[in-house]
Protein backbone atom coordinates (compact mmCIF):
# COMPACT_ATOMS: atom_id res chain seq x y z
CA MET A 1 49.97 -62.46 -22.91
CA ARG A 2 48.33 -59.10 -23.98
CA ILE A 3 50.28 -56.17 -25.26
CA TYR A 4 48.92 -52.88 -24.27
CA SER A 5 49.19 -49.53 -26.03
CA VAL A 6 50.46 -46.41 -24.13
CA ASP A 7 47.15 -44.86 -24.49
CA GLU A 8 45.44 -47.63 -22.75
CA VAL A 9 47.95 -47.74 -19.95
CA THR A 10 47.78 -43.80 -19.26
CA GLY A 11 43.90 -44.05 -19.73
CA TYR A 12 43.57 -46.90 -17.08
CA LEU A 13 46.10 -44.67 -14.84
CA ARG A 14 43.94 -41.64 -15.28
CA GLU A 15 40.75 -43.66 -14.48
CA LEU A 16 42.58 -45.59 -11.43
CA LEU A 17 43.64 -42.20 -9.98
CA GLU A 18 40.41 -40.12 -10.47
CA SER A 19 38.18 -43.14 -8.91
CA ASP A 20 40.33 -42.95 -5.76
CA SER A 21 38.47 -40.79 -3.13
CA LEU A 22 41.72 -39.52 -1.35
CA LEU A 23 43.25 -38.50 -4.55
CA THR A 24 40.25 -36.45 -5.71
CA ASP A 25 39.81 -34.17 -3.00
CA LEU A 26 42.94 -33.32 -1.21
CA TRP A 27 45.18 -30.62 -0.03
CA ILE A 28 48.90 -30.50 -0.57
CA SER A 29 51.40 -28.15 0.92
CA GLY A 30 54.57 -27.13 -0.60
CA GLU A 31 56.88 -24.44 -2.16
CA VAL A 32 56.04 -22.80 -5.83
CA SER A 33 58.74 -23.14 -8.42
CA ASN A 34 59.00 -23.08 -11.83
CA LEU A 35 56.03 -20.80 -12.23
CA SER A 36 54.82 -19.79 -15.69
CA GLN A 37 51.76 -18.66 -17.44
CA SER A 38 50.66 -19.70 -21.08
CA ALA A 39 49.06 -17.53 -23.38
CA ALA A 40 45.62 -18.67 -22.53
CA GLY A 41 46.12 -17.71 -18.87
CA HIS A 42 46.81 -20.97 -17.44
CA LEU A 43 49.55 -21.02 -14.62
CA TYR A 44 52.03 -23.83 -14.36
CA PHE A 45 54.26 -24.60 -11.69
CA THR A 46 55.81 -27.21 -9.50
CA LEU A 47 55.07 -27.93 -5.76
CA LYS A 48 58.30 -29.33 -3.83
CA ASP A 49 59.50 -29.98 -0.40
CA GLU A 50 63.13 -31.49 0.65
CA ALA A 51 62.15 -34.74 -0.81
CA SER A 52 59.93 -34.68 -3.82
CA GLN A 53 58.32 -32.26 -6.27
CA LEU A 54 55.02 -32.61 -8.38
CA ARG A 55 53.74 -30.62 -11.30
CA CYS A 56 50.68 -28.52 -11.07
CA VAL A 57 48.32 -26.55 -13.28
CA LEU A 58 45.85 -24.01 -12.46
CA PHE A 59 43.44 -23.20 -15.26
CA ARG A 60 42.25 -19.81 -15.75
CA GLY A 61 38.96 -19.00 -13.96
CA GLU A 62 39.63 -21.02 -10.90
CA ARG A 63 40.11 -19.23 -7.33
CA LEU A 64 43.31 -17.47 -6.59
CA ASP A 65 43.64 -15.51 -3.40
CA LEU A 66 47.11 -14.63 -3.67
CA ALA A 67 49.75 -13.71 -6.30
CA LEU A 68 51.67 -16.88 -7.05
CA GLU A 69 55.47 -16.31 -7.14
CA ASN A 70 58.38 -18.74 -7.10
CA GLY A 71 59.44 -19.60 -3.64
CA ALA A 72 56.02 -18.91 -1.88
CA ALA A 73 54.75 -21.47 0.73
CA VAL A 74 51.38 -22.48 0.02
CA VAL A 75 48.44 -24.95 0.34
CA ALA A 76 46.79 -25.86 -2.73
CA HIS A 77 43.51 -27.78 -3.16
CA GLY A 78 42.86 -30.13 -6.28
CA HIS A 79 42.88 -33.64 -7.72
CA ILE A 80 45.63 -35.99 -8.92
CA SER A 81 45.56 -37.36 -12.55
CA VAL A 82 47.46 -38.12 -15.58
CA TYR A 83 48.22 -36.15 -18.24
CA GLU A 84 47.78 -38.54 -20.96
CA VAL A 85 49.54 -36.68 -23.51
CA THR A 86 52.84 -36.65 -21.76
CA GLY A 87 51.97 -39.65 -19.54
CA SER A 88 52.92 -37.37 -16.42
CA LEU A 89 51.48 -37.18 -12.95
CA GLN A 90 49.74 -33.84 -12.43
CA PHE A 91 48.24 -32.16 -9.84
CA TYR A 92 45.18 -30.21 -10.95
CA VAL A 93 44.69 -27.29 -8.59
CA ASP A 94 41.51 -25.30 -8.15
CA LEU A 95 42.35 -23.16 -4.77
CA VAL A 96 45.58 -22.07 -3.49
CA GLN A 97 46.01 -20.41 -0.06
CA PRO A 98 49.17 -19.10 1.92
CA GLU A 99 50.80 -21.86 4.02
CA GLY A 100 49.91 -21.74 7.80
CA VAL A 101 46.13 -21.03 7.28
CA GLY A 102 44.16 -23.72 9.36
CA ILE A 103 42.44 -26.56 7.53
CA LEU A 104 39.04 -25.66 8.54
CA HIS A 105 39.69 -22.18 6.94
CA LEU A 106 41.03 -23.64 3.89
CA GLU A 107 37.92 -26.15 3.64
CA PHE A 108 35.76 -22.92 4.03
CA GLU A 109 37.46 -20.96 1.20
CA ARG A 110 37.32 -24.21 -0.98
CA LEU A 111 33.77 -24.80 -0.70
CA LYS A 112 32.68 -21.22 -0.84
CA ALA A 113 34.73 -20.86 -4.15
CA LYS A 114 32.69 -24.36 -5.31
CA LEU A 115 29.34 -23.04 -4.56
CA GLU A 116 29.87 -19.60 -5.61
CA GLU A 117 30.92 -20.91 -8.99
CA GLU A 118 27.76 -23.14 -9.09
CA GLY A 119 25.61 -19.98 -8.60
CA LEU A 120 24.38 -20.66 -5.33
CA PHE A 121 25.28 -17.29 -3.90
CA GLU A 122 23.78 -15.34 -6.82
CA VAL A 123 21.35 -12.46 -5.85
CA ALA A 124 19.01 -13.65 -8.64
CA ARG A 125 18.22 -16.80 -6.83
CA LYS A 126 17.42 -15.39 -3.53
CA ARG A 127 13.53 -15.28 -2.81
CA GLY A 128 12.01 -12.25 -0.91
CA LEU A 129 10.26 -12.64 2.51
CA PRO A 130 6.53 -12.89 2.86
CA PRO A 131 5.42 -9.39 4.50
CA PHE A 132 2.95 -11.06 6.74
CA PRO A 133 3.94 -14.68 7.49
CA GLN A 134 1.62 -16.94 9.34
CA ARG A 135 3.95 -19.72 10.15
CA ILE A 136 7.83 -19.68 10.79
CA GLY A 137 9.92 -22.77 11.00
CA VAL A 138 12.92 -22.31 13.67
CA VAL A 139 15.87 -24.49 13.18
CA THR A 140 17.97 -24.39 16.31
CA SER A 141 18.84 -25.99 19.66
CA PRO A 142 15.71 -26.76 21.86
CA GLY A 143 15.93 -24.61 25.22
CA SER A 144 18.80 -22.32 23.99
CA ALA A 145 18.85 -18.67 24.80
CA VAL A 146 18.65 -18.36 21.07
CA LEU A 147 15.34 -19.83 20.84
CA HIS A 148 14.21 -17.91 24.03
CA ASP A 149 15.32 -14.59 22.08
CA ILE A 150 13.67 -15.39 18.72
CA THR A 151 10.30 -16.21 20.63
CA ASN A 152 10.15 -13.30 22.85
CA ILE A 153 10.90 -10.91 19.91
CA ILE A 154 8.55 -12.29 17.47
CA SER A 155 5.64 -12.57 20.14
CA ARG A 156 6.42 -9.13 21.03
CA ARG A 157 6.55 -7.51 17.28
CA TYR A 158 4.04 -9.73 15.42
CA PRO A 159 1.88 -12.16 17.90
CA LEU A 160 -0.17 -13.30 15.15
CA VAL A 161 2.41 -15.58 13.78
CA GLU A 162 2.76 -19.42 14.74
CA LEU A 163 6.35 -20.65 15.48
CA VAL A 164 7.33 -24.34 14.34
CA LEU A 165 10.46 -25.61 16.23
CA ALA A 166 12.40 -28.18 14.34
CA PRO A 167 15.11 -29.12 16.97
CA THR A 168 18.57 -30.08 16.29
CA PRO A 169 22.21 -29.66 17.79
CA VAL A 170 24.05 -26.90 16.53
CA GLN A 171 27.26 -28.16 16.95
CA GLY A 172 29.53 -31.06 17.54
CA ASP A 173 29.09 -34.63 15.76
CA GLY A 174 26.01 -35.01 13.96
CA ALA A 175 25.02 -31.40 14.16
CA ALA A 176 25.28 -31.14 10.13
CA GLU A 177 23.07 -34.00 9.37
CA GLY A 178 20.80 -32.73 12.27
CA ILE A 179 20.12 -29.31 10.36
CA VAL A 180 19.84 -30.74 7.22
CA GLU A 181 16.83 -33.19 8.58
CA ALA A 182 15.34 -30.01 10.32
CA ILE A 183 15.19 -28.02 7.17
CA GLU A 184 13.79 -30.89 5.19
CA ALA A 185 11.19 -31.61 7.82
CA LEU A 186 9.90 -27.80 7.77
CA SER A 187 9.99 -28.28 3.94
CA GLU A 188 7.45 -30.97 4.18
CA THR A 189 5.27 -29.19 6.89
CA GLU A 190 2.41 -27.54 5.31
CA GLY A 191 2.06 -23.71 5.57
CA ILE A 192 5.72 -22.66 6.53
CA ASP A 193 6.31 -19.11 5.08
CA VAL A 194 9.87 -18.63 6.39
CA VAL A 195 12.62 -20.64 8.13
CA ILE A 196 14.98 -19.11 10.70
CA LEU A 197 18.35 -20.94 10.81
CA ALA A 198 19.85 -19.71 14.17
CA ARG A 199 22.69 -20.31 16.91
CA GLY A 200 24.78 -18.10 18.93
CA GLY A 201 28.24 -16.92 18.32
CA GLY A 202 31.30 -19.14 18.55
CA SER A 203 34.45 -20.15 17.04
CA LEU A 204 34.99 -21.56 13.59
CA GLU A 205 35.26 -24.96 15.01
CA GLU A 206 32.26 -24.52 16.66
CA LEU A 207 30.29 -23.07 13.69
CA GLN A 208 31.77 -25.73 11.44
CA ALA A 209 28.16 -27.49 11.16
CA PHE A 210 26.97 -24.32 9.06
CA ASN A 211 29.93 -24.71 6.75
CA GLU A 212 29.37 -28.07 5.50
CA GLU A 213 28.12 -28.67 2.01
CA LYS A 214 25.33 -30.65 2.76
CA VAL A 215 23.63 -27.90 4.82
CA ALA A 216 24.52 -25.47 2.20
CA ARG A 217 22.46 -27.60 -0.18
CA ALA A 218 19.76 -28.16 2.22
CA ILE A 219 19.24 -24.44 2.64
CA ALA A 220 19.29 -24.07 -1.29
CA SER A 221 16.67 -26.71 -1.65
CA SER A 222 14.34 -25.25 1.23
CA LYS A 223 10.89 -24.54 -0.15
CA ALA A 224 10.46 -21.66 2.10
CA PRO A 225 13.09 -18.68 2.19
CA VAL A 226 15.74 -18.95 4.77
CA ILE A 227 16.90 -16.33 6.96
CA SER A 228 20.58 -17.50 8.35
CA GLY A 229 21.19 -15.89 11.76
CA VAL A 230 24.27 -17.61 12.90
CA GLY A 231 26.76 -16.31 15.24
CA HIS A 232 27.70 -12.49 15.66
CA ASP A 233 27.94 -9.60 13.37
CA THR A 234 31.48 -10.51 12.24
CA ASP A 235 30.94 -14.12 11.91
CA PHE A 236 30.31 -15.33 8.37
CA THR A 237 29.15 -18.84 7.44
CA ILE A 238 28.69 -20.76 4.02
CA ALA A 239 25.04 -20.87 5.35
CA ASP A 240 25.11 -17.21 5.33
CA PHE A 241 25.90 -16.86 1.54
CA VAL A 242 23.66 -19.50 0.36
CA ALA A 243 20.49 -18.23 2.64
CA ASP A 244 18.02 -15.93 1.22
CA LEU A 245 18.81 -13.33 3.83
CA ARG A 246 21.56 -13.01 6.24
CA ALA A 247 21.07 -11.46 9.63
CA PRO A 248 23.86 -10.51 11.70
CA THR A 249 22.46 -12.22 14.97
CA PRO A 250 19.78 -14.61 15.72
CA SER A 251 17.78 -11.67 17.61
CA ALA A 252 18.02 -9.61 14.20
CA ALA A 253 16.76 -12.62 12.20
CA ALA A 254 13.70 -12.63 14.27
CA GLU A 255 13.16 -8.85 13.64
CA LEU A 256 13.69 -9.49 9.90
CA ALA A 257 11.24 -12.10 9.76
CA VAL A 258 8.34 -10.50 10.87
CA PRO A 259 6.90 -6.72 10.71
CA HIS A 260 6.53 -4.84 13.92
CA ARG A 261 2.69 -4.33 14.85
CA SER A 262 3.48 -0.32 15.88
CA GLU A 263 4.81 0.02 12.06
CA LEU A 264 1.94 -1.74 10.74
CA GLU A 265 -0.36 0.36 13.13
CA SER A 266 1.17 3.55 12.02
CA ARG A 267 1.02 2.22 8.16
CA ILE A 268 -2.69 1.36 8.54
CA GLN A 269 -3.40 4.96 10.07
CA SER A 270 -1.37 6.70 7.35
CA GLN A 271 -3.33 4.82 4.75
CA GLN A 272 -6.64 5.48 6.68
CA ARG A 273 -5.88 9.22 6.50
CA ALA A 274 -4.97 9.27 2.86
CA LEU A 275 -8.10 7.08 1.90
CA VAL A 276 -10.30 9.75 3.74
CA ALA A 277 -8.50 12.46 2.21
CA ALA A 278 -8.95 10.57 -1.26
CA LEU A 279 -12.45 10.15 -0.67
CA GLY A 280 -13.20 13.62 0.34
CA GLY A 281 -11.35 14.95 -2.66
CA GLU A 282 -13.37 12.49 -5.01
CA ILE A 283 -16.75 13.36 -3.25
CA SER A 284 -15.98 17.07 -3.83
CA GLN A 285 -14.95 16.67 -7.17
CA ARG A 286 -18.11 14.51 -8.13
CA GLY A 287 -20.37 17.09 -6.35
CA THR A 288 -18.75 20.01 -8.67
CA GLU A 289 -19.35 18.03 -11.80
CA LEU A 290 -22.88 17.27 -10.43
CA GLY A 291 -23.70 20.88 -9.99
CA HIS A 292 -22.19 21.61 -13.63
CA LEU A 293 -24.55 18.97 -14.98
CA THR A 294 -27.89 20.29 -13.25
CA ASN A 295 -27.17 23.76 -14.49
CA ARG A 296 -26.32 22.37 -17.88
CA LEU A 297 -29.64 20.24 -17.97
CA ARG A 298 -31.53 23.18 -16.52
CA TYR A 299 -30.37 25.52 -19.20
CA LEU A 300 -31.19 22.89 -21.95
CA SER A 301 -34.46 21.61 -20.72
CA PRO A 302 -37.27 23.13 -22.86
CA ASP A 303 -40.15 25.46 -21.28
CA ILE A 304 -42.95 23.10 -20.29
CA ALA A 305 -45.35 25.77 -18.52
CA ARG A 306 -47.12 26.63 -21.99
CA TYR A 307 -47.45 22.70 -22.76
CA ARG A 308 -48.88 22.15 -19.32
CA GLN A 309 -51.87 24.64 -20.21
CA ARG A 310 -52.35 23.11 -23.44
CA ILE A 311 -52.66 19.51 -21.98
CA ASP A 312 -55.50 21.14 -19.53
CA GLU A 313 -57.15 22.35 -22.61
CA LEU A 314 -57.09 19.14 -24.32
CA THR A 315 -57.89 17.21 -21.36
CA LYS A 316 -61.08 19.32 -20.70
CA MET A 317 -62.06 18.92 -24.66
CA ALA A 318 -61.48 15.38 -24.49
CA SER A 319 -63.79 14.92 -21.39
CA MET A 320 -66.30 16.53 -22.98
CA ARG A 321 -66.32 14.78 -26.14
CA VAL A 322 -66.49 11.42 -24.20
CA ALA A 323 -69.16 12.75 -22.27
CA SER A 324 -71.07 13.54 -25.50
CA LEU A 325 -70.45 10.23 -27.07
CA LEU A 326 -71.47 8.54 -23.98
CA THR A 327 -74.99 10.23 -24.02
CA ILE A 328 -75.47 9.59 -27.72
CA ASP A 329 -74.74 5.82 -26.86
CA ARG A 330 -77.13 5.89 -24.06
CA GLU A 331 -79.89 7.13 -26.19
CA GLN A 332 -79.17 4.62 -28.90
CA LEU A 333 -78.88 1.65 -26.39
CA ARG A 334 -82.36 3.00 -24.80
CA SER A 335 -84.03 2.96 -28.41
CA ARG A 336 -82.78 -0.59 -29.04
CA GLU A 337 -84.11 -1.60 -25.53
CA LEU A 338 -87.57 -0.12 -26.76
CA GLU A 339 -87.24 -2.18 -29.98
CA LEU A 340 -86.32 -5.38 -28.42
CA GLY A 341 -89.08 -5.02 -25.96
CA ALA A 342 -91.58 -4.68 -28.62
CA LEU A 343 -90.48 -7.68 -30.01
CA SER A 344 -90.22 -9.46 -26.71
CA PRO A 345 -92.53 -12.49 -26.32
CA ILE A 346 -93.78 -11.31 -22.93
CA ALA A 347 -94.91 -8.00 -24.63
CA THR A 348 -96.78 -10.25 -27.13
CA LEU A 349 -98.29 -12.26 -24.21
CA SER A 350 -99.51 -8.83 -22.50
CA ARG A 351 -101.45 -8.09 -25.67
CA GLY A 352 -103.65 -11.42 -25.19
CA TYR A 353 -101.57 -13.89 -26.74
CA ALA A 354 -100.61 -17.03 -25.33
CA GLN A 355 -98.00 -19.92 -25.60
CA VAL A 356 -99.09 -23.47 -25.80
CA GLN A 357 -97.07 -26.58 -25.18
CA LEU A 358 -97.64 -30.08 -25.01
CA SER A 359 -97.28 -31.26 -21.35
CA ALA A 360 -96.01 -34.51 -22.26
CA THR A 361 -93.30 -33.16 -24.53
CA GLY A 362 -92.84 -29.53 -24.10
CA GLU A 363 -93.15 -28.93 -27.58
CA VAL A 364 -94.42 -25.64 -28.42
CA VAL A 365 -97.88 -25.73 -30.32
CA SER A 366 -97.92 -23.65 -33.54
CA ARG A 367 -100.26 -25.89 -35.68
CA VAL A 368 -103.46 -27.79 -35.07
CA ALA A 369 -101.61 -30.82 -36.69
CA GLN A 370 -99.26 -31.27 -33.88
CA ILE A 371 -102.06 -31.88 -31.06
CA HIS A 372 -104.98 -34.35 -31.03
CA ARG A 373 -108.41 -34.27 -29.05
CA GLY A 374 -107.68 -35.04 -25.39
CA ASP A 375 -103.97 -33.96 -25.17
CA ALA A 376 -102.85 -32.21 -22.09
CA ILE A 377 -101.45 -28.88 -22.69
CA ASP A 378 -99.52 -25.86 -20.70
CA VAL A 379 -100.84 -22.49 -21.54
CA ARG A 380 -98.61 -19.58 -20.50
CA VAL A 381 -100.18 -15.87 -20.53
CA SER A 382 -98.59 -12.74 -19.74
CA ASP A 383 -99.00 -13.20 -15.87
CA GLY A 384 -98.63 -16.83 -15.34
CA GLN A 385 -99.58 -20.14 -16.64
CA PHE A 386 -102.40 -23.02 -16.35
CA LYS A 387 -103.23 -26.30 -17.63
CA GLY A 388 -105.66 -27.43 -20.23
CA ARG A 389 -106.92 -30.47 -22.15
CA VAL A 390 -107.84 -30.35 -26.06
CA THR A 391 -111.79 -31.03 -26.51
CA THR A 392 -112.34 -29.61 -30.08
CA LEU A 393 -109.96 -29.27 -33.08
CA LYS A 394 -110.94 -26.78 -36.06
CA LYS A 395 -108.18 -26.15 -38.73
CA GLY A 396 -107.79 -23.18 -40.95
CA LEU A 397 -107.61 -19.44 -40.43
CA GLN A 398 -111.36 -19.04 -41.32
CA ALA A 399 -112.58 -21.46 -38.68
CA TRP A 400 -110.63 -19.42 -35.88
CA LEU A 401 -111.84 -16.11 -37.28
CA LYS A 402 -115.49 -17.26 -37.07
CA ASP A 403 -115.14 -17.89 -33.56
CA PHE A 404 -113.15 -14.83 -32.71
CA PRO A 405 -115.81 -12.45 -31.90
CA SER A 406 -117.63 -15.11 -29.70
CA LYS A 407 -114.17 -15.88 -27.89
CA LYS A 408 -113.44 -12.14 -27.43
CA GLY A 409 -117.14 -11.41 -26.07
């Protein structure tokens, strides 16, 4: 047989109590007695009825919407556990409401306090709406007057937008689950810029789906900002507090989701006028600056009139110099042509000389040793050529000069 320590037993009881789903989330009604407050600000009291009593503690910082006093009839929310130091059963309270408040209202206040403490209502986490949405998701009941109103208002105000309906029941059994599925489906749909969550007015019971924790968390997890248009202006739901923007009615939600085309037209016209005025002013200013710069350039520019005349004179002198040089060059060229003409073989031939070539090889004959008796030769003179054949060979200049008079005669 095993023997347990007190700490083991109280620890076991605490774990046992805190694992019970009923005892971890329950409302208890009773009369407040033995109320006291510690130096740290925690409240200790007892809830009792005709038959029993239960020790309670409400730590500082928990939600308290009324001033507790002995004898007050209240309904408290919290969980049951064991305070291991004294081994006593204790009710850890996180919310206290006056007795007589309906259970739905109690749950509303409890969930509101819980989500507010988590920061889901913080303004810092609210997302702004896109100024010009292209696709808007609508979570509401298909075929309802709410959907008809939203469609008409958006088509009239901003017909460029596309509405994507995520149909769901908005009250009764399964409504909360349907709303969650619709929001999640729109989060997975590409291009959704904003989501409108809407239904008409109703009692607290009829709006209960919008006070469910699962719906609140689905709104907080939506990829697109959510506008809550649930009920009438005086109706508030948990969805309103979590949503990025609350609208007093579904119709107001549609108006908040899109701009009005008349406002856009007016804004465009105003911006157009402002742009024209700004451009006109800018052009005028630039024109004035250009005029000042032109005058300044004219003032600072040198007087080039005298330089133009000087350029004309220099041009004329250059032309004359070039003409003179061309004349000299032409005369020198003519002199060179005459010198070359005198040395030309054709000129030599015109003076009675001839050019002799061997017909067989084309070799020019300049010596007697190059030819033999009987060789065919080509003889070129100043006005043509003729063929001949060698019959006599004489060597030496004296032999040629001896025959020259007779050749000439």
